[in-house]
Amino acid sequence: GKEREVVAAIFTANDSPGYADSVKGRFTISRDNAKISVYLQMSSLKPE
């Protein structure tokens, strides 16, 4: 029932990532350039 939301994005492993205000300070996005992998570490999770 809700719109899609981009919570985090990154270009390279050394790039400055972007975060939605709703997750800033709680989520961390990272990337492995060697194998084109991306990760999202989520902490202090909320029901929302």
ModelCIF file with pLDDT and N, C-alpha, C, O atoms, coordinates in Angstrom:
data_MODEL
#
_entry.id   MODEL 
#
_entity.id                         1 
_entity.type                       polymer 
_entity.pdbx_number_of_molecules   1 
#
_entity_poly.entity_id                      1 
_entity_poly.type                           'polypeptide(L)' 
_entity_poly.nstd_linkage                   no 
_entity_poly.nstd_monomer                   no 
_entity_poly.pdbx_seq_one_letter_code       GKEREVVAAIFTANDSPGYADSVKGRFTISRDNAKISVYLQMSSLKPE 
_entity_poly.pdbx_seq_one_letter_code_can   GKEREVVAAIFTANDSPGYADSVKGRFTISRDNAKISVYLQMSSLKPE 
_entity_poly.pdbx_strand_id                 A 
#
loop_
_entity_poly_seq.entity_id 
_entity_poly_seq.num 
_entity_poly_seq.mon_id 
_entity_poly_seq.hetero 
1 1  GLY n 
1 2  LYS n 
1 3  GLU n 
1 4  ARG n 
1 5  GLU n 
1 6  VAL n 
1 7  VAL n 
1 8  ALA n 
1 9  ALA n 
1 10 ILE n 
1 11 PHE n 
1 12 THR n 
1 13 ALA n 
1 14 ASN n 
1 15 ASP n 
1 16 SER n 
1 17 PRO n 
1 18 GLY n 
1 19 TYR n 
1 20 ALA n 
1 21 ASP n 
1 22 SER n 
1 23 VAL n 
1 24 LYS n 
1 25 GLY n 
1 26 ARG n 
1 27 PHE n 
1 28 THR n 
1 29 ILE n 
1 30 SER n 
1 31 ARG n 
1 32 ASP n 
1 33 ASN n 
1 34 ALA n 
1 35 LYS n 
1 36 ILE n 
1 37 SER n 
1 38 VAL n 
1 39 TYR n 
1 40 LEU n 
1 41 GLN n 
1 42 MET n 
1 43 SER n 
1 44 SER n 
1 45 LEU n 
1 46 LYS n 
1 47 PRO n 
1 48 GLU n 
#
_struct_asym.id          A 
_struct_asym.entity_id   1 
#
loop_
_ma_qa_metric.id 
_ma_qa_metric.mode 
_ma_qa_metric.name 
_ma_qa_metric.software_group_id 
_ma_qa_metric.type 
1 global pLDDT . pLDDT 
2 local  pLDDT . pLDDT 
#
_ma_qa_metric_global.metric_id      1 
_ma_qa_metric_global.metric_value   92.90 
_ma_qa_metric_global.model_id       1 
_ma_qa_metric_global.ordinal_id     1 
#
loop_
_ma_qa_metric_local.label_asym_id 
_ma_qa_metric_local.label_comp_id 
_ma_qa_metric_local.label_seq_id 
_ma_qa_metric_local.metric_id 
_ma_qa_metric_local.metric_value 
_ma_qa_metric_local.model_id 
_ma_qa_metric_local.ordinal_id 
A GLY 1  2 93.00 1 1  
A LYS 2  2 95.00 1 2  
A GLU 3  2 97.00 1 3  
A ARG 4  2 97.00 1 4  
A GLU 5  2 98.00 1 5  
A VAL 6  2 98.00 1 6  
A VAL 7  2 98.00 1 7  
A ALA 8  2 98.00 1 8  
A ALA 9  2 97.00 1 9  
A ILE 10 2 95.00 1 10 
A PHE 11 2 91.00 1 11 
A THR 12 2 83.00 1 12 
A ALA 13 2 78.00 1 13 
A ASN 14 2 79.00 1 14 
A ASP 15 2 82.00 1 15 
A SER 16 2 90.00 1 16 
A PRO 17 2 96.00 1 17 
A GLY 18 2 97.00 1 18 
A TYR 19 2 98.00 1 19 
A ALA 20 2 98.00 1 20 
A ASP 21 2 98.00 1 21 
A SER 22 2 97.00 1 22 
A VAL 23 2 98.00 1 23 
A LYS 24 2 97.00 1 24 
A GLY 25 2 98.00 1 25 
A ARG 26 2 98.00 1 26 
A PHE 27 2 98.00 1 27 
A THR 28 2 98.00 1 28 
A ILE 29 2 97.00 1 29 
A SER 30 2 95.00 1 30 
A ARG 31 2 91.00 1 31 
A ASP 32 2 86.00 1 32 
A ASN 33 2 72.00 1 33 
A ALA 34 2 72.00 1 34 
A LYS 35 2 71.00 1 35 
A ILE 36 2 77.00 1 36 
A SER 37 2 88.00 1 37 
A VAL 38 2 94.00 1 38 
A TYR 39 2 96.00 1 39 
A LEU 40 2 98.00 1 40 
A GLN 41 2 98.00 1 41 
A MET 42 2 98.00 1 42 
A SER 43 2 98.00 1 43 
A SER 44 2 98.00 1 44 
A LEU 45 2 98.00 1 45 
A LYS 46 2 98.00 1 46 
A PRO 47 2 97.00 1 47 
A GLU 48 2 97.00 1 48 
#
loop_
_atom_site.group_PDB 
_atom_site.id 
_atom_site.type_symbol 
_atom_site.label_atom_id 
_atom_site.label_alt_id 
_atom_site.label_comp_id 
_atom_site.label_asym_id 
_atom_site.label_entity_id 
_atom_site.label_seq_id 
_atom_site.pdbx_PDB_ins_code 
_atom_site.Cartn_x 
_atom_site.Cartn_y 
_atom_site.Cartn_z 
_atom_site.occupancy 
_atom_site.B_iso_or_equiv 
_atom_site.pdbx_formal_charge 
_atom_site.auth_seq_id 
_atom_site.auth_comp_id 
_atom_site.auth_asym_id 
_atom_site.auth_atom_id 
_atom_site.pdbx_PDB_model_num 
ATOM 1   N N  . GLY A 1 1  ? 0.775  -1.222 0.000  1.00 93.00 ? 1  GLY A N  1 
ATOM 2   C CA . GLY A 1 1  ? 0.000  0.000  0.000  1.00 93.00 ? 1  GLY A CA 1 
ATOM 3   C C  . GLY A 1 1  ? 0.811  1.280  0.000  1.00 93.00 ? 1  GLY A C  1 
ATOM 4   O O  . GLY A 1 1  ? 0.244  2.370  0.068  1.00 93.00 ? 1  GLY A O  1 
ATOM 5   N N  . LYS A 1 2  ? 2.130  1.166  -0.076 1.00 95.00 ? 2  LYS A N  1 
ATOM 6   C CA . LYS A 1 2  ? 2.988  2.341  -0.061 1.00 95.00 ? 2  LYS A CA 1 
ATOM 7   C C  . LYS A 1 2  ? 3.838  2.421  -1.322 1.00 95.00 ? 2  LYS A C  1 
ATOM 8   O O  . LYS A 1 2  ? 4.025  1.424  -2.020 1.00 95.00 ? 2  LYS A O  1 
ATOM 9   N N  . GLU A 1 3  ? 4.349  3.610  -1.606 1.00 97.00 ? 3  GLU A N  1 
ATOM 10  C CA . GLU A 1 3  ? 5.206  3.823  -2.763 1.00 97.00 ? 3  GLU A CA 1 
ATOM 11  C C  . GLU A 1 3  ? 6.590  3.241  -2.524 1.00 97.00 ? 3  GLU A C  1 
ATOM 12  O O  . GLU A 1 3  ? 7.051  3.141  -1.387 1.00 97.00 ? 3  GLU A O  1 
ATOM 13  N N  . ARG A 1 4  ? 7.242  2.859  -3.613 1.00 97.00 ? 4  ARG A N  1 
ATOM 14  C CA . ARG A 1 4  ? 8.610  2.385  -3.517 1.00 97.00 ? 4  ARG A CA 1 
ATOM 15  C C  . ARG A 1 4  ? 9.535  3.519  -3.105 1.00 97.00 ? 4  ARG A C  1 
ATOM 16  O O  . ARG A 1 4  ? 9.340  4.668  -3.502 1.00 97.00 ? 4  ARG A O  1 
ATOM 17  N N  . GLU A 1 5  ? 10.540 3.191  -2.309 1.00 98.00 ? 5  GLU A N  1 
ATOM 18  C CA . GLU A 1 5  ? 11.458 4.178  -1.785 1.00 98.00 ? 5  GLU A CA 1 
ATOM 19  C C  . GLU A 1 5  ? 12.897 3.706  -1.935 1.00 98.00 ? 5  GLU A C  1 
ATOM 20  O O  . GLU A 1 5  ? 13.236 2.600  -1.514 1.00 98.00 ? 5  GLU A O  1 
ATOM 21  N N  . VAL A 1 6  ? 13.744 4.539  -2.534 1.00 98.00 ? 6  VAL A N  1 
ATOM 22  C CA . VAL A 1 6  ? 15.169 4.252  -2.610 1.00 98.00 ? 6  VAL A CA 1 
ATOM 23  C C  . VAL A 1 6  ? 15.779 4.618  -1.262 1.00 98.00 ? 6  VAL A C  1 
ATOM 24  O O  . VAL A 1 6  ? 15.829 5.792  -0.898 1.00 98.00 ? 6  VAL A O  1 
ATOM 25  N N  . VAL A 1 7  ? 16.239 3.626  -0.532 1.00 98.00 ? 7  VAL A N  1 
ATOM 26  C CA . VAL A 1 7  ? 16.743 3.884  0.814  1.00 98.00 ? 7  VAL A CA 1 
ATOM 27  C C  . VAL A 1 7  ? 18.228 4.200  0.833  1.00 98.00 ? 7  VAL A C  1 
ATOM 28  O O  . VAL A 1 7  ? 18.693 4.896  1.735  1.00 98.00 ? 7  VAL A O  1 
ATOM 29  N N  . ALA A 1 8  ? 18.989 3.702  -0.149 1.00 98.00 ? 8  ALA A N  1 
ATOM 30  C CA . ALA A 1 8  ? 20.426 3.950  -0.195 1.00 98.00 ? 8  ALA A CA 1 
ATOM 31  C C  . ALA A 1 8  ? 20.967 3.650  -1.579 1.00 98.00 ? 8  ALA A C  1 
ATOM 32  O O  . ALA A 1 8  ? 20.442 2.787  -2.281 1.00 98.00 ? 8  ALA A O  1 
ATOM 33  N N  . ALA A 1 9  ? 22.029 4.367  -1.982 1.00 97.00 ? 9  ALA A N  1 
ATOM 34  C CA . ALA A 1 9  ? 22.650 4.157  -3.288 1.00 97.00 ? 9  ALA A CA 1 
ATOM 35  C C  . ALA A 1 9  ? 24.139 4.475  -3.221 1.00 97.00 ? 9  ALA A C  1 
ATOM 36  O O  . ALA A 1 9  ? 24.575 5.323  -2.443 1.00 97.00 ? 9  ALA A O  1 
ATOM 37  N N  . ILE A 1 10 ? 24.914 3.770  -4.059 1.00 95.00 ? 10 ILE A N  1 
ATOM 38  C CA . ILE A 1 10 ? 26.358 3.974  -4.095 1.00 95.00 ? 10 ILE A CA 1 
ATOM 39  C C  . ILE A 1 10 ? 26.882 3.631  -5.484 1.00 95.00 ? 10 ILE A C  1 
ATOM 40  O O  . ILE A 1 10 ? 26.359 2.734  -6.146 1.00 95.00 ? 10 ILE A O  1 
ATOM 41  N N  . PHE A 1 11 ? 27.928 4.353  -5.929 1.00 91.00 ? 11 PHE A N  1 
ATOM 42  C CA . PHE A 1 11 ? 28.493 4.135  -7.256 1.00 91.00 ? 11 PHE A CA 1 
ATOM 43  C C  . PHE A 1 11 ? 29.744 3.254  -7.199 1.00 91.00 ? 11 PHE A C  1 
ATOM 44  O O  . PHE A 1 11 ? 29.818 2.246  -7.901 1.00 91.00 ? 11 PHE A O  1 
ATOM 45  N N  . THR A 1 12 ? 30.714 3.620  -6.382 1.00 83.00 ? 12 THR A N  1 
ATOM 46  C CA . THR A 1 12 ? 31.926 2.841  -6.187 1.00 83.00 ? 12 THR A CA 1 
ATOM 47  C C  . THR A 1 12 ? 32.164 2.649  -4.695 1.00 83.00 ? 12 THR A C  1 
ATOM 48  O O  . THR A 1 12 ? 31.490 3.249  -3.858 1.00 83.00 ? 12 THR A O  1 
ATOM 49  N N  . ALA A 1 13 ? 33.145 1.793  -4.381 1.00 78.00 ? 13 ALA A N  1 
ATOM 50  C CA . ALA A 1 13 ? 33.461 1.538  -2.984 1.00 78.00 ? 13 ALA A CA 1 
ATOM 51  C C  . ALA A 1 13 ? 33.947 2.795  -2.261 1.00 78.00 ? 13 ALA A C  1 
ATOM 52  O O  . ALA A 1 13 ? 33.821 2.900  -1.041 1.00 78.00 ? 13 ALA A O  1 
ATOM 53  N N  . ASN A 1 14 ? 34.501 3.744  -3.014 1.00 79.00 ? 14 ASN A N  1 
ATOM 54  C CA . ASN A 1 14 ? 34.995 4.983  -2.432 1.00 79.00 ? 14 ASN A CA 1 
ATOM 55  C C  . ASN A 1 14 ? 34.036 6.156  -2.611 1.00 79.00 ? 14 ASN A C  1 
ATOM 56  O O  . ASN A 1 14 ? 34.367 7.290  -2.265 1.00 79.00 ? 14 ASN A O  1 
ATOM 57  N N  . ASP A 1 15 ? 32.873 5.891  -3.138 1.00 82.00 ? 15 ASP A N  1 
ATOM 58  C CA . ASP A 1 15 ? 31.881 6.926  -3.370 1.00 82.00 ? 15 ASP A CA 1 
ATOM 59  C C  . ASP A 1 15 ? 31.216 7.331  -2.064 1.00 82.00 ? 15 ASP A C  1 
ATOM 60  O O  . ASP A 1 15 ? 31.153 6.557  -1.109 1.00 82.00 ? 15 ASP A O  1 
ATOM 61  N N  . SER A 1 16 ? 30.725 8.559  -2.048 1.00 90.00 ? 16 SER A N  1 
ATOM 62  C CA . SER A 1 16 ? 29.939 9.017  -0.916 1.00 90.00 ? 16 SER A CA 1 
ATOM 63  C C  . SER A 1 16 ? 28.505 8.560  -1.133 1.00 90.00 ? 16 SER A C  1 
ATOM 64  O O  . SER A 1 16 ? 27.851 9.040  -2.059 1.00 90.00 ? 16 SER A O  1 
ATOM 65  N N  . PRO A 1 17 ? 27.998 7.653  -0.317 1.00 96.00 ? 17 PRO A N  1 
ATOM 66  C CA . PRO A 1 17 ? 26.669 7.100  -0.556 1.00 96.00 ? 17 PRO A CA 1 
ATOM 67  C C  . PRO A 1 17 ? 25.554 8.080  -0.220 1.00 96.00 ? 17 PRO A C  1 
ATOM 68  O O  . PRO A 1 17 ? 25.743 9.035  0.534  1.00 96.00 ? 17 PRO A O  1 
ATOM 69  N N  . GLY A 1 18 ? 24.398 7.820  -0.794 1.00 97.00 ? 18 GLY A N  1 
ATOM 70  C CA . GLY A 1 18 ? 23.221 8.610  -0.499 1.00 97.00 ? 18 GLY A CA 1 
ATOM 71  C C  . GLY A 1 18 ? 22.228 7.786  0.302  1.00 97.00 ? 18 GLY A C  1 
ATOM 72  O O  . GLY A 1 18 ? 22.071 6.588  0.069  1.00 97.00 ? 18 GLY A O  1 
ATOM 73  N N  . TYR A 1 19 ? 21.554 8.439  1.254  1.00 98.00 ? 19 TYR A N  1 
ATOM 74  C CA . TYR A 1 19 ? 20.589 7.762  2.109  1.00 98.00 ? 19 TYR A CA 1 
ATOM 75  C C  . TYR A 1 19 ? 19.295 8.550  2.194  1.00 98.00 ? 19 TYR A C  1 
ATOM 76  O O  . TYR A 1 19 ? 19.296 9.781  2.223  1.00 98.00 ? 19 TYR A O  1 
ATOM 77  N N  . ALA A 1 20 ? 18.195 7.817  2.233  1.00 98.00 ? 20 ALA A N  1 
ATOM 78  C CA . ALA A 1 20 ? 16.924 8.451  2.514  1.00 98.00 ? 20 ALA A CA 1 
ATOM 79  C C  . ALA A 1 20 ? 16.917 8.920  3.963  1.00 98.00 ? 20 ALA A C  1 
ATOM 80  O O  . ALA A 1 20 ? 17.536 8.298  4.827  1.00 98.00 ? 20 ALA A O  1 
ATOM 81  N N  . ASP A 1 21 ? 16.221 10.009 4.224  1.00 98.00 ? 21 ASP A N  1 
ATOM 82  C CA . ASP A 1 21 ? 16.168 10.548 5.580  1.00 98.00 ? 21 ASP A CA 1 
ATOM 83  C C  . ASP A 1 21 ? 15.613 9.534  6.579  1.00 98.00 ? 21 ASP A C  1 
ATOM 84  O O  . ASP A 1 21 ? 15.971 9.554  7.757  1.00 98.00 ? 21 ASP A O  1 
ATOM 85  N N  . SER A 1 22 ? 14.750 8.661  6.109  1.00 97.00 ? 22 SER A N  1 
ATOM 86  C CA . SER A 1 22 ? 14.109 7.699  6.983  1.00 97.00 ? 22 SER A CA 1 
ATOM 87  C C  . SER A 1 22 ? 15.064 6.649  7.546  1.00 97.00 ? 22 SER A C  1 
ATOM 88  O O  . SER A 1 22 ? 14.761 6.019  8.560  1.00 97.00 ? 22 SER A O  1 
ATOM 89  N N  . VAL A 1 23 ? 16.223 6.452  6.894  1.00 98.00 ? 23 VAL A N  1 
ATOM 90  C CA . VAL A 1 23 ? 17.160 5.420  7.334  1.00 98.00 ? 23 VAL A CA 1 
ATOM 91  C C  . VAL A 1 23 ? 18.528 5.970  7.685  1.00 98.00 ? 23 VAL A C  1 
ATOM 92  O O  . VAL A 1 23 ? 19.383 5.220  8.156  1.00 98.00 ? 23 VAL A O  1 
ATOM 93  N N  . LYS A 1 24 ? 18.760 7.245  7.474  1.00 97.00 ? 24 LYS A N  1 
ATOM 94  C CA . LYS A 1 24 ? 20.064 7.847  7.724  1.00 97.00 ? 24 LYS A CA 1 
ATOM 95  C C  . LYS A 1 24 ? 20.472 7.669  9.185  1.00 97.00 ? 24 LYS A C  1 
ATOM 96  O O  . LYS A 1 24 ? 19.697 7.945  10.101 1.00 97.00 ? 24 LYS A O  1 
ATOM 97  N N  . GLY A 1 25 ? 21.697 7.206  9.379  1.00 98.00 ? 25 GLY A N  1 
ATOM 98  C CA . GLY A 1 25 ? 22.205 6.964  10.716 1.00 98.00 ? 25 GLY A CA 1 
ATOM 99  C C  . GLY A 1 25 ? 21.955 5.558  11.216 1.00 98.00 ? 25 GLY A C  1 
ATOM 100 O O  . GLY A 1 25 ? 22.548 5.145  12.214 1.00 98.00 ? 25 GLY A O  1 
ATOM 101 N N  . ARG A 1 26 ? 21.089 4.810  10.545 1.00 98.00 ? 26 ARG A N  1 
ATOM 102 C CA . ARG A 1 26 ? 20.766 3.451  10.957 1.00 98.00 ? 26 ARG A CA 1 
ATOM 103 C C  . ARG A 1 26 ? 21.211 2.406  9.931  1.00 98.00 ? 26 ARG A C  1 
ATOM 104 O O  . ARG A 1 26 ? 21.607 1.301  10.303 1.00 98.00 ? 26 ARG A O  1 
ATOM 105 N N  . PHE A 1 27 ? 21.146 2.750  8.651  1.00 98.00 ? 27 PHE A N  1 
ATOM 106 C CA . PHE A 1 27 ? 21.523 1.838  7.577  1.00 98.00 ? 27 PHE A CA 1 
ATOM 107 C C  . PHE A 1 27 ? 22.848 2.271  6.965  1.00 98.00 ? 27 PHE A C  1 
ATOM 108 O O  . PHE A 1 27 ? 23.149 3.463  6.891  1.00 98.00 ? 27 PHE A O  1 
ATOM 109 N N  . THR A 1 28 ? 23.641 1.289  6.524  1.00 98.00 ? 28 THR A N  1 
ATOM 110 C CA . THR A 1 28 ? 24.899 1.564  5.851  1.00 98.00 ? 28 THR A CA 1 
ATOM 111 C C  . THR A 1 28 ? 25.001 0.720  4.588  1.00 98.00 ? 28 THR A C  1 
ATOM 112 O O  . THR A 1 28 ? 24.887 -0.504 4.638  1.00 98.00 ? 28 THR A O  1 
ATOM 113 N N  . ILE A 1 29 ? 25.218 1.382  3.458  1.00 97.00 ? 29 ILE A N  1 
ATOM 114 C CA . ILE A 1 29 ? 25.396 0.673  2.197  1.00 97.00 ? 29 ILE A CA 1 
ATOM 115 C C  . ILE A 1 29 ? 26.886 0.605  1.877  1.00 97.00 ? 29 ILE A C  1 
ATOM 116 O O  . ILE A 1 29 ? 27.615 1.570  2.108  1.00 97.00 ? 29 ILE A O  1 
ATOM 117 N N  . SER A 1 30 ? 27.341 -0.527 1.347  1.00 95.00 ? 30 SER A N  1 
ATOM 118 C CA . SER A 1 30 ? 28.732 -0.691 0.962  1.00 95.00 ? 30 SER A CA 1 
ATOM 119 C C  . SER A 1 30 ? 28.804 -1.512 -0.315 1.00 95.00 ? 30 SER A C  1 
ATOM 120 O O  . SER A 1 30 ? 27.834 -2.161 -0.708 1.00 95.00 ? 30 SER A O  1 
ATOM 121 N N  . ARG A 1 31 ? 29.972 -1.474 -0.961 1.00 91.00 ? 31 ARG A N  1 
ATOM 122 C CA . ARG A 1 31 ? 30.116 -2.151 -2.247 1.00 91.00 ? 31 ARG A CA 1 
ATOM 123 C C  . ARG A 1 31 ? 31.492 -2.764 -2.395 1.00 91.00 ? 31 ARG A C  1 
ATOM 124 O O  . ARG A 1 31 ? 32.491 -2.216 -1.929 1.00 91.00 ? 31 ARG A O  1 
ATOM 125 N N  . ASP A 1 32 ? 31.523 -3.917 -3.057 1.00 86.00 ? 32 ASP A N  1 
ATOM 126 C CA . ASP A 1 32 ? 32.759 -4.594 -3.402 1.00 86.00 ? 32 ASP A CA 1 
ATOM 127 C C  . ASP A 1 32 ? 32.931 -4.445 -4.908 1.00 86.00 ? 32 ASP A C  1 
ATOM 128 O O  . ASP A 1 32 ? 32.235 -5.111 -5.675 1.00 86.00 ? 32 ASP A O  1 
ATOM 129 N N  . ASN A 1 33 ? 33.843 -3.587 -5.344 1.00 72.00 ? 33 ASN A N  1 
ATOM 130 C CA . ASN A 1 33 ? 34.033 -3.325 -6.771 1.00 72.00 ? 33 ASN A CA 1 
ATOM 131 C C  . ASN A 1 33 ? 34.537 -4.539 -7.543 1.00 72.00 ? 33 ASN A C  1 
ATOM 132 O O  . ASN A 1 33 ? 34.242 -4.682 -8.729 1.00 72.00 ? 33 ASN A O  1 
ATOM 133 N N  . ALA A 1 34 ? 35.286 -5.403 -6.890 1.00 72.00 ? 34 ALA A N  1 
ATOM 134 C CA . ALA A 1 34 ? 35.891 -6.547 -7.563 1.00 72.00 ? 34 ALA A CA 1 
ATOM 135 C C  . ALA A 1 34 ? 34.866 -7.550 -8.058 1.00 72.00 ? 34 ALA A C  1 
ATOM 136 O O  . ALA A 1 34 ? 35.083 -8.203 -9.079 1.00 72.00 ? 34 ALA A O  1 
ATOM 137 N N  . LYS A 1 35 ? 33.756 -7.683 -7.352 1.00 71.00 ? 35 LYS A N  1 
ATOM 138 C CA . LYS A 1 35 ? 32.761 -8.679 -7.738 1.00 71.00 ? 35 LYS A CA 1 
ATOM 139 C C  . LYS A 1 35 ? 31.355 -8.121 -7.910 1.00 71.00 ? 35 LYS A C  1 
ATOM 140 O O  . LYS A 1 35 ? 30.379 -8.872 -7.915 1.00 71.00 ? 35 LYS A O  1 
ATOM 141 N N  . ILE A 1 36 ? 31.253 -6.811 -8.051 1.00 77.00 ? 36 ILE A N  1 
ATOM 142 C CA . ILE A 1 36 ? 29.976 -6.125 -8.265 1.00 77.00 ? 36 ILE A CA 1 
ATOM 143 C C  . ILE A 1 36 ? 28.936 -6.593 -7.243 1.00 77.00 ? 36 ILE A C  1 
ATOM 144 O O  . ILE A 1 36 ? 27.850 -7.053 -7.597 1.00 77.00 ? 36 ILE A O  1 
ATOM 145 N N  . SER A 1 37 ? 29.293 -6.466 -6.000 1.00 88.00 ? 37 SER A N  1 
ATOM 146 C CA . SER A 1 37 ? 28.399 -6.823 -4.913 1.00 88.00 ? 37 SER A CA 1 
ATOM 147 C C  . SER A 1 37 ? 28.059 -5.589 -4.099 1.00 88.00 ? 37 SER A C  1 
ATOM 148 O O  . SER A 1 37 ? 28.869 -4.671 -3.969 1.00 88.00 ? 37 SER A O  1 
ATOM 149 N N  . VAL A 1 38 ? 26.865 -5.576 -3.558 1.00 94.00 ? 38 VAL A N  1 
ATOM 150 C CA . VAL A 1 38 ? 26.438 -4.461 -2.728 1.00 94.00 ? 38 VAL A CA 1 
ATOM 151 C C  . VAL A 1 38 ? 25.765 -5.013 -1.479 1.00 94.00 ? 38 VAL A C  1 
ATOM 152 O O  . VAL A 1 38 ? 25.102 -6.049 -1.522 1.00 94.00 ? 38 VAL A O  1 
ATOM 153 N N  . TYR A 1 39 ? 25.945 -4.304 -0.363 1.00 96.00 ? 39 TYR A N  1 
ATOM 154 C CA . TYR A 1 39 ? 25.440 -4.773 0.912  1.00 96.00 ? 39 TYR A CA 1 
ATOM 155 C C  . TYR A 1 39 ? 24.656 -3.668 1.598  1.00 96.00 ? 39 TYR A C  1 
ATOM 156 O O  . TYR A 1 39 ? 24.851 -2.483 1.330  1.00 96.00 ? 39 TYR A O  1 
ATOM 157 N N  . LEU A 1 40 ? 23.776 -4.077 2.478  1.00 98.00 ? 40 LEU A N  1 
ATOM 158 C CA . LEU A 1 40 ? 23.035 -3.120 3.284  1.00 98.00 ? 40 LEU A CA 1 
ATOM 159 C C  . LEU A 1 40 ? 23.021 -3.614 4.721  1.00 98.00 ? 40 LEU A C  1 
ATOM 160 O O  . LEU A 1 40 ? 22.365 -4.604 5.044  1.00 98.00 ? 40 LEU A O  1 
ATOM 161 N N  . GLN A 1 41 ? 23.752 -2.913 5.582  1.00 98.00 ? 41 GLN A N  1 
ATOM 162 C CA . GLN A 1 41 ? 23.765 -3.219 7.000  1.00 98.00 ? 41 GLN A CA 1 
ATOM 163 C C  . GLN A 1 41 ? 22.694 -2.386 7.681  1.00 98.00 ? 41 GLN A C  1 
ATOM 164 O O  . GLN A 1 41 ? 22.744 -1.156 7.662  1.00 98.00 ? 41 GLN A O  1 
ATOM 165 N N  . MET A 1 42 ? 21.736 -3.054 8.274  1.00 98.00 ? 42 MET A N  1 
ATOM 166 C CA . MET A 1 42 ? 20.621 -2.381 8.915  1.00 98.00 ? 42 MET A CA 1 
ATOM 167 C C  . MET A 1 42 ? 20.688 -2.602 10.419 1.00 98.00 ? 42 MET A C  1 
ATOM 168 O O  . MET A 1 42 ? 20.821 -3.736 10.880 1.00 98.00 ? 42 MET A O  1 
ATOM 169 N N  . SER A 1 43 ? 20.597 -1.534 11.172 1.00 98.00 ? 43 SER A N  1 
ATOM 170 C CA . SER A 1 43 ? 20.613 -1.609 12.619 1.00 98.00 ? 43 SER A CA 1 
ATOM 171 C C  . SER A 1 43 ? 19.499 -0.736 13.179 1.00 98.00 ? 43 SER A C  1 
ATOM 172 O O  . SER A 1 43 ? 18.905 0.074  12.467 1.00 98.00 ? 43 SER A O  1 
ATOM 173 N N  . SER A 1 44 ? 19.229 -0.915 14.468 1.00 98.00 ? 44 SER A N  1 
ATOM 174 C CA . SER A 1 44 ? 18.159 -0.162 15.130 1.00 98.00 ? 44 SER A CA 1 
ATOM 175 C C  . SER A 1 44 ? 16.872 -0.223 14.318 1.00 98.00 ? 44 SER A C  1 
ATOM 176 O O  . SER A 1 44 ? 16.211 0.791  14.095 1.00 98.00 ? 44 SER A O  1 
ATOM 177 N N  . LEU A 1 45 ? 16.535 -1.418 13.886 1.00 98.00 ? 45 LEU A N  1 
ATOM 178 C CA . LEU A 1 45 ? 15.373 -1.598 13.017 1.00 98.00 ? 45 LEU A CA 1 
ATOM 179 C C  . LEU A 1 45 ? 14.075 -1.240 13.736 1.00 98.00 ? 45 LEU A C  1 
ATOM 180 O O  . LEU A 1 45 ? 13.908 -1.474 14.932 1.00 98.00 ? 45 LEU A O  1 
ATOM 181 N N  . LYS A 1 46 ? 13.167 -0.664 12.958 1.00 98.00 ? 46 LYS A N  1 
ATOM 182 C CA . LYS A 1 46 ? 11.863 -0.252 13.453 1.00 98.00 ? 46 LYS A CA 1 
ATOM 183 C C  . LYS A 1 46 ? 10.763 -0.984 12.691 1.00 98.00 ? 46 LYS A C  1 
ATOM 184 O O  . LYS A 1 46 ? 10.990 -1.425 11.564 1.00 98.00 ? 46 LYS A O  1 
ATOM 185 N N  . PRO A 1 47 ? 9.579  -1.121 13.280 1.00 97.00 ? 47 PRO A N  1 
ATOM 186 C CA . PRO A 1 47 ? 8.476  -1.774 12.570 1.00 97.00 ? 47 PRO A CA 1 
ATOM 187 C C  . PRO A 1 47 ? 8.179  -1.135 11.210 1.00 97.00 ? 47 PRO A C  1 
ATOM 188 O O  . PRO A 1 47 ? 7.778  -1.832 10.278 1.00 97.00 ? 47 PRO A O  1 
ATOM 189 N N  . GLU A 1 48 ? 8.367  0.166  11.089 1.00 97.00 ? 48 GLU A N  1 
ATOM 190 C CA . GLU A 1 48 ? 8.116  0.837  9.822  1.00 97.00 ? 48 GLU A CA 1 
ATOM 191 C C  . GLU A 1 48 ? 9.139  0.502  8.739  1.00 97.00 ? 48 GLU A C  1 
ATOM 192 O O  . GLU A 1 48 ? 9.041  1.004  7.620  1.00 97.00 ? 48 GLU A O  1 
#
